[in-house]
Amino acid sequence: AAPAFAQDTDPPAAVSVSGSATVTSDYRFRGVSQTDKD
């Protein structure tokens, strides 16, 4: 929502923040399940 308050002429921010939230049916790390296939 933050960009709605910025002006189109504002210079790019020096710092940006990104993120994510995920639900997965099995957490695999390099092919091996970390959740017992759960």
PDB file of all heavy atoms in Angstrom:
ATOM      1  N   ALA A   1       0.815  -1.205   0.000  1.00  0.00           N
ATOM      2  CA  ALA A   1       0.000   0.000   0.000  1.00  0.00           C
ATOM      3  C   ALA A   1       0.850   1.257   0.000  1.00  0.00           C
ATOM      4  O   ALA A   1       0.439   2.310  -0.472  1.00  0.00           O
ATOM      5  CB  ALA A   1      -0.916   0.017   1.227  1.00  0.00           C
ATOM      6  N   ALA A   2       2.073   1.163   0.492  1.00  0.00           N
ATOM      7  CA  ALA A   2       2.938   2.328   0.645  1.00  0.00           C
ATOM      8  C   ALA A   2       3.118   3.140  -0.632  1.00  0.00           C
ATOM      9  O   ALA A   2       3.115   4.367  -0.589  1.00  0.00           O
ATOM     10  CB  ALA A   2       4.311   1.893   1.196  1.00  0.00           C
ATOM     11  N   PRO A   3       3.292   2.521  -1.814  1.00  0.00           N
ATOM     12  CA  PRO A   3       3.522   3.323  -3.014  1.00  0.00           C
ATOM     13  C   PRO A   3       2.403   4.305  -3.323  1.00  0.00           C
ATOM     14  O   PRO A   3       2.610   5.292  -4.016  1.00  0.00           O
ATOM     15  CB  PRO A   3       3.633   2.251  -4.113  1.00  0.00           C
ATOM     16  CG  PRO A   3       4.120   1.039  -3.399  1.00  0.00           C
ATOM     17  CD  PRO A   3       3.427   1.105  -2.071  1.00  0.00           C
ATOM     18  N   ALA A   4       1.196   4.054  -2.811  1.00  0.00           N
ATOM     19  CA  ALA A   4       0.079   4.940  -3.092  1.00  0.00           C
ATOM     20  C   ALA A   4       0.317   6.328  -2.522  1.00  0.00           C
ATOM     21  O   ALA A   4      -0.241   7.313  -3.005  1.00  0.00           O
ATOM     22  CB  ALA A   4      -1.211   4.352  -2.503  1.00  0.00           C
ATOM     23  N   PHE A   5       1.183   6.429  -1.514  1.00  0.00           N
ATOM     24  CA  PHE A   5       1.444   7.711  -0.882  1.00  0.00           C
ATOM     25  C   PHE A   5       2.655   8.423  -1.493  1.00  0.00           C
ATOM     26  O   PHE A   5       2.976   9.534  -1.121  1.00  0.00           O
ATOM     27  CB  PHE A   5       1.687   7.505   0.625  1.00  0.00           C
ATOM     28  CG  PHE A   5       0.477   6.957   1.332  1.00  0.00           C
ATOM     29  CD1 PHE A   5       0.353   5.589   1.548  1.00  0.00           C
ATOM     30  CD2 PHE A   5      -0.550   7.782   1.760  1.00  0.00           C
ATOM     31  CE1 PHE A   5      -0.767   5.077   2.198  1.00  0.00           C
ATOM     32  CE2 PHE A   5      -1.667   7.270   2.407  1.00  0.00           C
ATOM     33  CZ  PHE A   5      -1.775   5.923   2.620  1.00  0.00           C
ATOM     34  N   ALA A   6       3.345   7.723  -2.395  1.00  0.00           N
ATOM     35  CA  ALA A   6       4.537   8.313  -2.988  1.00  0.00           C
ATOM     36  C   ALA A   6       4.174   9.035  -4.276  1.00  0.00           C
ATOM     37  O   ALA A   6       3.207   8.709  -4.942  1.00  0.00           O
ATOM     38  CB  ALA A   6       5.568   7.212  -3.268  1.00  0.00           C
ATOM     39  N   GLN A   7       4.968  10.034  -4.625  1.00  0.00           N
ATOM     40  CA  GLN A   7       4.769  10.757  -5.868  1.00  0.00           C
ATOM     41  C   GLN A   7       5.495  10.022  -6.998  1.00  0.00           C
ATOM     42  O   GLN A   7       6.537   9.407  -6.788  1.00  0.00           O
ATOM     43  CB  GLN A   7       5.330  12.182  -5.724  1.00  0.00           C
ATOM     44  CG  GLN A   7       4.645  13.008  -4.649  1.00  0.00           C
ATOM     45  CD  GLN A   7       3.170  13.242  -4.942  1.00  0.00           C
ATOM     46  OE1 GLN A   7       2.801  13.472  -6.087  1.00  0.00           O
ATOM     47  NE2 GLN A   7       2.337  13.173  -3.917  1.00  0.00           N
ATOM     48  N   ASP A   8       4.921  10.089  -8.196  1.00  0.00           N
ATOM     49  CA  ASP A   8       5.520   9.406  -9.330  1.00  0.00           C
ATOM     50  C   ASP A   8       6.922   9.936  -9.622  1.00  0.00           C
ATOM     51  O   ASP A   8       7.745   9.258 -10.228  1.00  0.00           O
ATOM     52  CB  ASP A   8       4.646   9.579 -10.576  1.00  0.00           C
ATOM     53  CG  ASP A   8       3.320   8.845 -10.436  1.00  0.00           C
ATOM     54  OD1 ASP A   8       3.271   7.918  -9.603  1.00  0.00           O
ATOM     55  OD2 ASP A   8       2.353   9.199 -11.143  1.00  0.00           O
ATOM     56  N   THR A   9       7.187  11.182  -9.206  1.00  0.00           N
ATOM     57  CA  THR A   9       8.484  11.793  -9.494  1.00  0.00           C
ATOM     58  C   THR A   9       9.536  11.480  -8.441  1.00  0.00           C
ATOM     59  O   THR A   9      10.685  11.887  -8.585  1.00  0.00           O
ATOM     60  CB  THR A   9       8.328  13.315  -9.601  1.00  0.00           C
ATOM     61  OG1 THR A   9       7.733  13.815  -8.396  1.00  0.00           O
ATOM     62  CG2 THR A   9       7.442  13.678 -10.797  1.00  0.00           C
ATOM     63  N   ASP A  10       9.127  10.792  -7.358  1.00  0.00           N
ATOM     64  CA  ASP A  10      10.088  10.469  -6.313  1.00  0.00           C
ATOM     65  C   ASP A  10      11.169   9.541  -6.857  1.00  0.00           C
ATOM     66  O   ASP A  10      10.879   8.618  -7.625  1.00  0.00           O
ATOM     67  CB  ASP A  10       9.387   9.778  -5.136  1.00  0.00           C
ATOM     68  CG  ASP A  10       8.552  10.762  -4.338  1.00  0.00           C
ATOM     69  OD1 ASP A  10       8.705  11.978  -4.569  1.00  0.00           O
ATOM     70  OD2 ASP A  10       7.753  10.314  -3.495  1.00  0.00           O
ATOM     71  N   PRO A  11      12.430   9.734  -6.445  1.00  0.00           N
ATOM     72  CA  PRO A  11      13.505   8.842  -6.896  1.00  0.00           C
ATOM     73  C   PRO A  11      13.320   7.451  -6.278  1.00  0.00           C
ATOM     74  O   PRO A  11      12.658   7.301  -5.241  1.00  0.00           O
ATOM     75  CB  PRO A  11      14.765   9.525  -6.352  1.00  0.00           C
ATOM     76  CG  PRO A  11      14.280  10.300  -5.166  1.00  0.00           C
ATOM     77  CD  PRO A  11      12.910  10.790  -5.552  1.00  0.00           C
ATOM     78  N   PRO A  12      13.884   6.418  -6.890  1.00  0.00           N
ATOM     79  CA  PRO A  12      13.773   5.063  -6.344  1.00  0.00           C
ATOM     80  C   PRO A  12      14.325   5.015  -4.922  1.00  0.00           C
ATOM     81  O   PRO A  12      15.319   5.666  -4.609  1.00  0.00           O
ATOM     82  CB  PRO A  12      14.622   4.225  -7.308  1.00  0.00           C
ATOM     83  CG  PRO A  12      14.657   5.027  -8.577  1.00  0.00           C
ATOM     84  CD  PRO A  12      14.651   6.464  -8.135  1.00  0.00           C
ATOM     85  N   ALA A  13      13.680   4.250  -4.084  1.00  0.00           N
ATOM     86  CA  ALA A  13      14.140   4.113  -2.706  1.00  0.00           C
ATOM     87  C   ALA A  13      15.479   3.394  -2.667  1.00  0.00           C
ATOM     88  O   ALA A  13      15.732   2.477  -3.452  1.00  0.00           O
ATOM     89  CB  ALA A  13      13.109   3.354  -1.889  1.00  0.00           C
ATOM     90  N   ALA A  14      16.340   3.815  -1.753  1.00  0.00           N
ATOM     91  CA  ALA A  14      17.653   3.181  -1.623  1.00  0.00           C
ATOM     92  C   ALA A  14      17.531   1.777  -1.054  1.00  0.00           C
ATOM     93  O   ALA A  14      18.367   0.910  -1.316  1.00  0.00           O
ATOM     94  CB  ALA A  14      18.556   4.026  -0.734  1.00  0.00           C
ATOM     95  N   VAL A  15      16.469   1.559  -0.268  1.00  0.00           N
ATOM     96  CA  VAL A  15      16.244   0.255   0.364  1.00  0.00           C
ATOM     97  C   VAL A  15      14.851  -0.238   0.014  1.00  0.00           C
ATOM     98  O   VAL A  15      13.883   0.515   0.075  1.00  0.00           O
ATOM     99  CB  VAL A  15      16.401   0.352   1.896  1.00  0.00           C
ATOM    100  CG1 VAL A  15      16.074  -0.979   2.546  1.00  0.00           C
ATOM    101  CG2 VAL A  15      17.813   0.796   2.271  1.00  0.00           C
ATOM    102  N   SER A  16      14.746  -1.494  -0.359  1.00  0.00           N
ATOM    103  CA  SER A  16      13.449  -2.103  -0.656  1.00  0.00           C
ATOM    104  C   SER A  16      13.251  -3.329   0.214  1.00  0.00           C
ATOM    105  O   SER A  16      14.215  -3.968   0.649  1.00  0.00           O
ATOM    106  CB  SER A  16      13.348  -2.486  -2.128  1.00  0.00           C
ATOM    107  OG  SER A  16      14.339  -3.437  -2.469  1.00  0.00           O
ATOM    108  N   VAL A  17      11.987  -3.652   0.472  1.00  0.00           N
ATOM    109  CA  VAL A  17      11.645  -4.790   1.306  1.00  0.00           C
ATOM    110  C   VAL A  17      10.703  -5.702   0.532  1.00  0.00           C
ATOM    111  O   VAL A  17       9.740  -5.242  -0.080  1.00  0.00           O
ATOM    112  CB  VAL A  17      10.966  -4.348   2.621  1.00  0.00           C
ATOM    113  CG1 VAL A  17      10.604  -5.563   3.466  1.00  0.00           C
ATOM    114  CG2 VAL A  17      11.883  -3.413   3.401  1.00  0.00           C
ATOM    115  N   SER A  18      10.982  -6.977   0.545  1.00  0.00           N
ATOM    116  CA  SER A  18      10.109  -7.964  -0.084  1.00  0.00           C
ATOM    117  C   SER A  18       9.928  -9.136   0.862  1.00  0.00           C
ATOM    118  O   SER A  18      10.734  -9.355   1.769  1.00  0.00           O
ATOM    119  CB  SER A  18      10.703  -8.441  -1.417  1.00  0.00           C
ATOM    120  OG  SER A  18      11.965  -9.068  -1.205  1.00  0.00           O
ATOM    121  N   GLY A  19       8.873  -9.880   0.653  1.00  0.00           N
ATOM    122  CA  GLY A  19       8.625 -11.014   1.539  1.00  0.00           C
ATOM    123  C   GLY A  19       7.656 -11.993   0.932  1.00  0.00           C
ATOM    124  O   GLY A  19       7.088 -11.772  -0.143  1.00  0.00           O
ATOM    125  N   SER A  20       7.444 -13.089   1.635  1.00  0.00           N
ATOM    126  CA  SER A  20       6.537 -14.120   1.154  1.00  0.00           C
ATOM    127  C   SER A  20       6.047 -14.971   2.311  1.00  0.00           C
ATOM    128  O   SER A  20       6.681 -15.050   3.364  1.00  0.00           O
ATOM    129  CB  SER A  20       7.242 -15.019   0.125  1.00  0.00           C
ATOM    130  OG  SER A  20       8.300 -15.745   0.745  1.00  0.00           O
ATOM    131  N   ALA A  21       4.893 -15.610   2.100  1.00  0.00           N
ATOM    132  CA  ALA A  21       4.358 -16.598   3.031  1.00  0.00           C
ATOM    133  C   ALA A  21       3.824 -17.746   2.189  1.00  0.00           C
ATOM    134  O   ALA A  21       3.162 -17.516   1.168  1.00  0.00           O
ATOM    135  CB  ALA A  21       3.249 -16.001   3.892  1.00  0.00           C
ATOM    136  N   THR A  22       4.126 -18.978   2.576  1.00  0.00           N
ATOM    137  CA  THR A  22       3.814 -20.141   1.744  1.00  0.00           C
ATOM    138  C   THR A  22       3.318 -21.307   2.583  1.00  0.00           C
ATOM    139  O   THR A  22       3.791 -21.527   3.700  1.00  0.00           O
ATOM    140  CB  THR A  22       5.071 -20.600   0.968  1.00  0.00           C
ATOM    141  OG1 THR A  22       5.583 -19.521   0.188  1.00  0.00           O
ATOM    142  CG2 THR A  22       4.757 -21.770   0.056  1.00  0.00           C
ATOM    143  N   VAL A  23       2.374 -22.041   2.026  1.00  0.00           N
ATOM    144  CA  VAL A  23       1.962 -23.332   2.576  1.00  0.00           C
ATOM    145  C   VAL A  23       2.336 -24.382   1.533  1.00  0.00           C
ATOM    146  O   VAL A  23       2.016 -24.234   0.349  1.00  0.00           O
ATOM    147  CB  VAL A  23       0.452 -23.384   2.860  1.00  0.00           C
ATOM    148  CG1 VAL A  23       0.060 -24.786   3.336  1.00  0.00           C
ATOM    149  CG2 VAL A  23       0.072 -22.346   3.904  1.00  0.00           C
ATOM    150  N   THR A  24       3.049 -25.412   1.938  1.00  0.00           N
ATOM    151  CA  THR A  24       3.486 -26.445   1.014  1.00  0.00           C
ATOM    152  C   THR A  24       3.107 -27.818   1.539  1.00  0.00           C
ATOM    153  O   THR A  24       3.071 -28.033   2.752  1.00  0.00           O
ATOM    154  CB  THR A  24       5.008 -26.371   0.786  1.00  0.00           C
ATOM    155  OG1 THR A  24       5.422 -27.402  -0.105  1.00  0.00           O
ATOM    156  CG2 THR A  24       5.765 -26.523   2.109  1.00  0.00           C
ATOM    157  N   SER A  25       2.831 -28.732   0.643  1.00  0.00           N
ATOM    158  CA  SER A  25       2.404 -30.069   1.063  1.00  0.00           C
ATOM    159  C   SER A  25       3.573 -30.955   1.479  1.00  0.00           C
ATOM    160  O   SER A  25       3.366 -32.050   1.999  1.00  0.00           O
ATOM    161  CB  SER A  25       1.612 -30.754  -0.060  1.00  0.00           C
ATOM    162  OG  SER A  25       2.416 -30.925  -1.219  1.00  0.00           O
ATOM    163  N   ASP A  26       4.812 -30.498   1.249  1.00  0.00           N
ATOM    164  CA  ASP A  26       6.006 -31.228   1.689  1.00  0.00           C
ATOM    165  C   ASP A  26       7.204 -30.303   1.525  1.00  0.00           C
ATOM    166  O   ASP A  26       7.421 -29.764   0.442  1.00  0.00           O
ATOM    167  CB  ASP A  26       6.202 -32.499   0.848  1.00  0.00           C
ATOM    168  CG  ASP A  26       7.380 -33.345   1.307  1.00  0.00           C
ATOM    169  OD1 ASP A  26       7.921 -33.080   2.398  1.00  0.00           O
ATOM    170  OD2 ASP A  26       7.762 -34.272   0.571  1.00  0.00           O
ATOM    171  N   TYR A  27       7.977 -30.102   2.569  1.00  0.00           N
ATOM    172  CA  TYR A  27       9.166 -29.255   2.491  1.00  0.00           C
ATOM    173  C   TYR A  27      10.361 -30.123   2.116  1.00  0.00           C
ATOM    174  O   TYR A  27      10.815 -30.959   2.900  1.00  0.00           O
ATOM    175  CB  TYR A  27       9.382 -28.558   3.835  1.00  0.00           C
ATOM    176  CG  TYR A  27      10.728 -27.868   3.988  1.00  0.00           C
ATOM    177  CD1 TYR A  27      11.426 -27.369   2.900  1.00  0.00           C
ATOM    178  CD2 TYR A  27      11.286 -27.689   5.259  1.00  0.00           C
ATOM    179  CE1 TYR A  27      12.654 -26.734   3.046  1.00  0.00           C
ATOM    180  CE2 TYR A  27      12.497 -27.057   5.429  1.00  0.00           C
ATOM    181  CZ  TYR A  27      13.181 -26.587   4.312  1.00  0.00           C
ATOM    182  OH  TYR A  27      14.398 -25.953   4.468  1.00  0.00           O
ATOM    183  N   ARG A  28      10.849 -29.937   0.899  1.00  0.00           N
ATOM    184  CA  ARG A  28      12.010 -30.689   0.417  1.00  0.00           C
ATOM    185  C   ARG A  28      13.240 -29.789   0.374  1.00  0.00           C
ATOM    186  O   ARG A  28      13.194 -28.693  -0.166  1.00  0.00           O
ATOM    187  CB  ARG A  28      11.748 -31.225  -0.991  1.00  0.00           C
ATOM    188  CG  ARG A  28      10.669 -32.303  -1.064  1.00  0.00           C
ATOM    189  CD  ARG A  28      11.226 -33.668  -0.724  1.00  0.00           C
ATOM    190  NE  ARG A  28      10.238 -34.715  -0.896  1.00  0.00           N
ATOM    191  CZ  ARG A  28      10.472 -35.874  -1.502  1.00  0.00           C
ATOM    192  NH1 ARG A  28      11.670 -36.131  -2.001  1.00  0.00           N
ATOM    193  NH2 ARG A  28       9.527 -36.782  -1.594  1.00  0.00           N
ATOM    194  N   PHE A  29      14.339 -30.287   0.921  1.00  0.00           N
ATOM    195  CA  PHE A  29      15.617 -29.579   0.838  1.00  0.00           C
ATOM    196  C   PHE A  29      16.576 -30.470   0.073  1.00  0.00           C
ATOM    197  O   PHE A  29      16.924 -31.558   0.528  1.00  0.00           O
ATOM    198  CB  PHE A  29      16.157 -29.263   2.232  1.00  0.00           C
ATOM    199  CG  PHE A  29      17.516 -28.625   2.214  1.00  0.00           C
ATOM    200  CD1 PHE A  29      17.675 -27.320   1.804  1.00  0.00           C
ATOM    201  CD2 PHE A  29      18.634 -29.340   2.602  1.00  0.00           C
ATOM    202  CE1 PHE A  29      18.938 -26.729   1.770  1.00  0.00           C
ATOM    203  CE2 PHE A  29      19.895 -28.762   2.586  1.00  0.00           C
ATOM    204  CZ  PHE A  29      20.040 -27.451   2.166  1.00  0.00           C
ATOM    205  N   ARG A  30      16.948 -30.040  -1.128  1.00  0.00           N
ATOM    206  CA  ARG A  30      17.839 -30.825  -1.973  1.00  0.00           C
ATOM    207  C   ARG A  30      17.337 -32.256  -2.128  1.00  0.00           C
ATOM    208  O   ARG A  30      18.101 -33.222  -2.054  1.00  0.00           O
ATOM    209  CB  ARG A  30      19.269 -30.768  -1.442  1.00  0.00           C
ATOM    210  CG  ARG A  30      19.824 -29.350  -1.491  1.00  0.00           C
ATOM    211  CD  ARG A  30      21.182 -29.186  -0.832  1.00  0.00           C
ATOM    212  NE  ARG A  30      21.559 -27.775  -0.829  1.00  0.00           N
ATOM    213  CZ  ARG A  30      22.581 -27.275  -0.154  1.00  0.00           C
ATOM    214  NH1 ARG A  30      23.344 -28.071   0.572  1.00  0.00           N
ATOM    215  NH2 ARG A  30      22.838 -25.977  -0.210  1.00  0.00           N
ATOM    216  N   GLY A  31      16.036 -32.359  -2.325  1.00  0.00           N
ATOM    217  CA  GLY A  31      15.414 -33.644  -2.623  1.00  0.00           C
ATOM    218  C   GLY A  31      14.911 -34.429  -1.442  1.00  0.00           C
ATOM    219  O   GLY A  31      14.157 -35.400  -1.613  1.00  0.00           O
ATOM    220  N   VAL A  32      15.293 -34.055  -0.232  1.00  0.00           N
ATOM    221  CA  VAL A  32      14.938 -34.821   0.966  1.00  0.00           C
ATOM    222  C   VAL A  32      13.869 -34.087   1.777  1.00  0.00           C
ATOM    223  O   VAL A  32      14.002 -32.897   2.060  1.00  0.00           O
ATOM    224  CB  VAL A  32      16.177 -35.085   1.841  1.00  0.00           C
ATOM    225  CG1 VAL A  32      15.793 -35.850   3.098  1.00  0.00           C
ATOM    226  CG2 VAL A  32      17.225 -35.855   1.056  1.00  0.00           C
ATOM    227  N   SER A  33      12.825 -34.803   2.163  1.00  0.00           N
ATOM    228  CA  SER A  33      11.739 -34.185   2.926  1.00  0.00           C
ATOM    229  C   SER A  33      12.191 -33.828   4.332  1.00  0.00           C
ATOM    230  O   SER A  33      12.781 -34.656   5.045  1.00  0.00           O
ATOM    231  CB  SER A  33      10.535 -35.127   3.005  1.00  0.00           C
ATOM    232  OG  SER A  33       9.521 -34.563   3.816  1.00  0.00           O
ATOM    233  N   GLN A  34      11.876 -32.598   4.741  1.00  0.00           N
ATOM    234  CA  GLN A  34      12.167 -32.130   6.091  1.00  0.00           C
ATOM    235  C   GLN A  34      10.937 -32.246   6.990  1.00  0.00           C
ATOM    236  O   GLN A  34      10.999 -31.877   8.167  1.00  0.00           O
ATOM    237  CB  GLN A  34      12.614 -30.671   6.049  1.00  0.00           C
ATOM    238  CG  GLN A  34      13.770 -30.398   5.105  1.00  0.00           C
ATOM    239  CD  GLN A  34      15.033 -31.129   5.506  1.00  0.00           C
ATOM    240  OE1 GLN A  34      15.671 -30.776   6.494  1.00  0.00           O
ATOM    241  NE2 GLN A  34      15.407 -32.140   4.756  1.00  0.00           N
ATOM    242  N   THR A  35       9.846 -32.730   6.442  1.00  0.00           N
ATOM    243  CA  THR A  35       8.584 -32.774   7.182  1.00  0.00           C
ATOM    244  C   THR A  35       7.949 -34.159   7.166  1.00  0.00           C
ATOM    245  O   THR A  35       6.764 -34.299   7.412  1.00  0.00           O
ATOM    246  CB  THR A  35       7.587 -31.761   6.596  1.00  0.00           C
ATOM    247  OG1 THR A  35       7.497 -31.963   5.175  1.00  0.00           O
ATOM    248  CG2 THR A  35       8.032 -30.338   6.871  1.00  0.00           C
ATOM    249  N   ASP A  36       8.750 -35.195   6.879  1.00  0.00           N
ATOM    250  CA  ASP A  36       8.241 -36.568   6.812  1.00  0.00           C
ATOM    251  C   ASP A  36       7.094 -36.668   5.801  1.00  0.00           C
ATOM    252  O   ASP A  36       6.101 -37.340   6.029  1.00  0.00           O
ATOM    253  CB  ASP A  36       7.779 -37.051   8.185  1.00  0.00           C
ATOM    254  CG  ASP A  36       7.969 -38.552   8.357  1.00  0.00           C
ATOM    255  OD1 ASP A  36       8.817 -39.128   7.640  1.00  0.00           O
ATOM    256  OD2 ASP A  36       7.273 -39.141   9.202  1.00  0.00           O
ATOM    257  N   LYS A  37       7.241 -35.939   4.682  1.00  0.00           N
ATOM    258  CA  LYS A  37       6.254 -35.906   3.598  1.00  0.00           C
ATOM    259  C   LYS A  37       4.924 -35.333   4.073  1.00  0.00           C
ATOM    260  O   LYS A  37       3.852 -35.786   3.663  1.00  0.00           O
ATOM    261  CB  LYS A  37       6.075 -37.292   2.983  1.00  0.00           C
ATOM    262  CG  LYS A  37       7.347 -37.829   2.335  1.00  0.00           C
ATOM    263  CD  LYS A  37       7.103 -39.138   1.619  1.00  0.00           C
ATOM    264  CE  LYS A  37       8.362 -39.576   0.886  1.00  0.00           C
ATOM    265  NZ  LYS A  37       8.150 -40.834   0.137  1.00  0.00           N
ATOM    266  N   ASP A  38       5.006 -34.337   4.938  1.00  0.00           N
ATOM    267  CA  ASP A  38       3.819 -33.692   5.483  1.00  0.00           C
ATOM    268  C   ASP A  38       3.870 -32.204   5.153  1.00  0.00           C
ATOM    269  O   ASP A  38       4.845 -31.699   4.606  1.00  0.00           O
ATOM    270  CB  ASP A  38       3.772 -33.898   7.005  1.00  0.00           C
ATOM    271  CG  ASP A  38       2.364 -33.813   7.547  1.00  0.00           C
ATOM    272  OD1 ASP A  38       1.461 -33.373   6.806  1.00  0.00           O
ATOM    273  OD2 ASP A  38       2.169 -34.167   8.723  1.00  0.00           O
TER     274      ASP A  38
END
